[in-house]
Amino acid sequence: MLNRDYEGQNCSIARALEVVGERWTLLIIRDVLLGLHRFDELQESLGIARNVLTDRLNRLVDEGVLERVLYSERPERYEYQLTKKGLDLNIALTALRQWGDDYLSEKPPRLQRRKVDKKPVVAAIVPKGTKSLRIDEIETLPGRAQRRIAPAGRNSLAGIGRLDRSLRVA
């Protein structure tokens, strides 16, 4: 992690990395976005040590990215829900996924598309005030790598992100 001293530095990226820059943190947020909300679900999905997961979850709660919600009183158990601050990380995760699909994956492991018409969605830079998709308008599903479909060439799916850059994720 970066030092927390930003004296003489005005960099929002550095500040954001202090909150979400540790290896497991964005993967935790990804899994919560995908519907895993309970400690054991997250631990099983990620294969992360319990103490590390506890530390990261506590940090995300302290930073206001996640909130703990009681789901069982006996025994007392909590699940983790994204706050607005956490949900707003979806576009950053979408951009990272898109970059990874373009440069590091022969077959994208996941695809995102608009629910209403099934059109692929991408992260894009758009003018402020431009209508963008809400999180509930998007679905994430297994890509070719997870469906084990015979490969049709890298560009068959990796090019999806280049088809219509006018679609936005929010």
Protein backbone atom coordinates (compact mmCIF):
# COMPACT_ATOMS: atom_id res chain seq x y z
CA MET A 1 0.00 0.00 0.00
CA LEU A 2 1.04 3.57 -0.51
CA ASN A 3 2.00 5.87 2.31
CA ARG A 4 -0.90 7.88 3.66
CA ASP A 5 1.09 11.11 3.50
CA TYR A 6 0.08 13.13 0.46
CA GLU A 7 1.97 16.29 1.36
CA GLY A 8 2.77 18.10 -1.87
CA GLN A 9 0.79 15.54 -3.86
CA ASN A 10 -2.65 16.12 -5.32
CA CYS A 11 -3.60 12.75 -6.77
CA SER A 12 -7.02 11.15 -6.49
CA ILE A 13 -5.69 7.91 -7.96
CA ALA A 14 -3.18 7.57 -5.12
CA ARG A 15 -5.92 8.27 -2.57
CA ALA A 16 -8.26 5.75 -4.21
CA LEU A 17 -5.53 3.11 -4.17
CA GLU A 18 -5.19 3.58 -0.43
CA VAL A 19 -8.76 2.32 -0.13
CA VAL A 20 -9.00 -0.29 -2.91
CA GLY A 21 -5.44 -0.90 -4.12
CA GLU A 22 -4.62 -4.01 -2.11
CA ARG A 23 -4.78 -7.21 -4.15
CA TRP A 24 -7.82 -8.78 -2.50
CA THR A 25 -9.90 -5.65 -2.11
CA LEU A 26 -11.17 -5.26 -5.67
CA LEU A 27 -11.80 -9.01 -5.86
CA ILE A 28 -13.95 -8.78 -2.73
CA ILE A 29 -15.91 -5.90 -4.27
CA ARG A 30 -16.24 -7.88 -7.52
CA ASP A 31 -17.69 -10.85 -5.65
CA VAL A 32 -20.15 -8.69 -3.71
CA LEU A 33 -21.25 -7.15 -7.01
CA LEU A 34 -21.77 -10.71 -8.29
CA GLY A 35 -24.06 -11.53 -5.36
CA LEU A 36 -21.80 -13.04 -2.71
CA HIS A 37 -22.56 -11.25 0.55
CA ARG A 38 -21.62 -13.54 3.39
CA PHE A 39 -18.18 -14.07 4.87
CA ASP A 40 -18.08 -17.81 4.13
CA GLU A 41 -19.21 -17.25 0.51
CA LEU A 42 -16.47 -14.70 -0.02
CA GLN A 43 -13.84 -16.84 1.67
CA GLU A 44 -14.76 -19.89 -0.41
CA SER A 45 -14.87 -17.95 -3.69
CA LEU A 46 -11.56 -16.19 -3.17
CA GLY A 47 -9.60 -18.81 -1.26
CA ILE A 48 -8.31 -15.99 0.93
CA ALA A 49 -7.12 -16.53 4.50
CA ARG A 50 -9.90 -15.76 6.99
CA ASN A 51 -7.81 -13.20 8.89
CA VAL A 52 -6.94 -11.35 5.66
CA LEU A 53 -10.59 -11.36 4.56
CA THR A 54 -11.65 -10.05 7.98
CA ASP A 55 -9.10 -7.26 7.74
CA ARG A 56 -10.15 -6.25 4.21
CA LEU A 57 -13.87 -6.36 5.03
CA ASN A 58 -13.36 -4.25 8.14
CA ARG A 59 -11.37 -1.72 6.12
CA LEU A 60 -14.06 -1.53 3.42
CA VAL A 61 -16.73 -1.02 6.10
CA ASP A 62 -14.61 1.66 7.81
CA GLU A 63 -14.13 3.43 4.46
CA GLY A 64 -17.87 3.35 3.72
CA VAL A 65 -17.55 1.06 0.69
CA LEU A 66 -19.44 -1.81 2.37
CA GLU A 67 -21.94 -1.96 5.19
CA ARG A 68 -22.54 -4.83 7.55
CA VAL A 69 -26.19 -5.95 7.64
CA LEU A 70 -27.48 -8.33 10.30
CA TYR A 71 -29.12 -11.39 8.72
CA SER A 72 -29.25 -13.73 11.73
CA GLU A 73 -29.66 -12.90 15.40
CA ARG A 74 -28.92 -16.39 16.80
CA PRO A 75 -26.10 -16.74 16.18
CA GLU A 76 -25.40 -13.14 15.31
CA ARG A 77 -24.31 -13.08 11.65
CA TYR A 78 -23.77 -10.29 9.18
CA GLU A 79 -23.59 -10.00 5.44
CA TYR A 80 -21.90 -7.29 3.43
CA GLN A 81 -23.74 -4.92 1.12
CA LEU A 82 -22.23 -2.29 -1.14
CA THR A 83 -22.99 1.31 -0.29
CA LYS A 84 -23.40 3.93 -3.04
CA LYS A 85 -19.66 4.53 -2.71
CA GLY A 86 -19.07 0.81 -3.29
CA LEU A 87 -21.55 0.53 -6.16
CA ASP A 88 -19.79 3.41 -7.87
CA LEU A 89 -16.68 1.19 -8.13
CA ASN A 90 -18.52 -0.94 -10.70
CA ILE A 91 -17.33 1.28 -13.54
CA ALA A 92 -13.71 0.98 -12.38
CA LEU A 93 -14.07 -2.81 -12.17
CA THR A 94 -15.73 -2.88 -15.57
CA ALA A 95 -12.83 -0.90 -17.03
CA LEU A 96 -10.28 -3.26 -15.42
CA ARG A 97 -12.19 -6.31 -16.69
CA GLN A 98 -12.34 -4.79 -20.16
CA TRP A 99 -8.59 -4.08 -20.13
CA GLY A 100 -7.85 -7.60 -18.90
CA ASP A 101 -10.10 -9.09 -21.59
CA ASP A 102 -8.39 -7.05 -24.30
CA TYR A 103 -4.80 -7.67 -23.23
CA LEU A 104 -4.61 -10.69 -20.94
CA SER A 105 -7.42 -13.12 -21.83
CA GLU A 106 -7.86 -15.16 -24.97
CA LYS A 107 -11.44 -15.85 -23.91
CA PRO A 108 -13.14 -13.40 -21.54
CA PRO A 109 -14.23 -15.19 -18.35
CA ARG A 110 -17.24 -12.86 -17.91
CA LEU A 111 -19.40 -10.68 -20.08
CA GLN A 112 -21.55 -7.74 -19.09
CA ARG A 113 -24.62 -6.75 -21.03
CA ARG A 114 -27.68 -4.60 -20.76
CA LYS A 115 -30.60 -6.68 -19.48
CA VAL A 116 -33.29 -5.18 -21.70
CA ASP A 117 -31.72 -5.86 -25.11
CA LYS A 118 -28.70 -8.07 -24.24
CA LYS A 119 -26.25 -5.59 -25.85
CA PRO A 120 -22.70 -5.80 -24.45
CA VAL A 121 -21.72 -2.88 -22.23
CA VAL A 122 -18.32 -1.29 -21.78
CA ALA A 123 -16.71 1.30 -19.56
CA ALA A 124 -16.24 4.52 -21.50
CA ILE A 125 -15.30 8.14 -20.96
CA VAL A 126 -18.37 10.27 -21.63
CA PRO A 127 -19.36 13.90 -21.12
CA LYS A 128 -20.60 14.75 -17.64
CA GLY A 129 -24.37 14.52 -17.40
CA THR A 130 -24.64 11.85 -20.08
CA LYS A 131 -27.25 9.25 -19.17
CA SER A 132 -25.55 6.04 -18.18
CA LEU A 133 -26.79 2.61 -17.22
CA ARG A 134 -27.75 1.93 -13.62
CA ILE A 135 -26.31 -1.16 -11.90
CA ASP A 136 -29.75 -2.84 -11.98
CA GLU A 137 -29.84 -2.50 -15.79
CA ILE A 138 -26.70 -4.63 -16.24
CA GLU A 139 -26.16 -8.36 -15.90
CA THR A 140 -22.90 -10.25 -15.65
CA LEU A 141 -22.71 -13.76 -17.00
CA PRO A 142 -20.06 -16.35 -17.72
CA GLY A 143 -18.00 -15.65 -20.81
CA ARG A 144 -16.67 -18.20 -23.23
CA ALA A 145 -13.82 -19.18 -20.92
CA GLN A 146 -16.29 -20.29 -18.23
CA ARG A 147 -18.82 -21.88 -20.59
CA ARG A 148 -16.09 -24.06 -22.13
CA ILE A 149 -17.22 -23.34 -25.67
CA ALA A 150 -14.76 -24.25 -28.41
CA PRO A 151 -12.53 -21.24 -29.10
CA ALA A 152 -13.59 -19.11 -32.04
CA GLY A 153 -10.54 -16.87 -31.97
CA ARG A 154 -9.56 -14.05 -29.64
CA ASN A 155 -11.25 -11.30 -31.59
CA SER A 156 -14.67 -12.96 -31.59
CA LEU A 157 -15.38 -11.85 -28.02
CA ALA A 158 -12.55 -9.52 -27.14
CA GLY A 159 -13.82 -7.16 -29.83
CA ILE A 160 -17.16 -6.78 -28.08
CA GLY A 161 -15.78 -3.86 -26.12
CA ARG A 162 -14.99 -2.12 -29.38
CA LEU A 163 -18.40 -2.64 -31.00
CA ASP A 164 -20.27 0.21 -29.39
CA ARG A 165 -18.32 2.54 -27.15
CA SER A 166 -21.42 4.72 -26.78
CA LEU A 167 -22.81 2.34 -24.14
CA ARG A 168 -21.81 3.33 -20.64
CA VAL A 169 -21.73 1.58 -17.30
CA ALA A 170 -22.67 3.38 -14.12
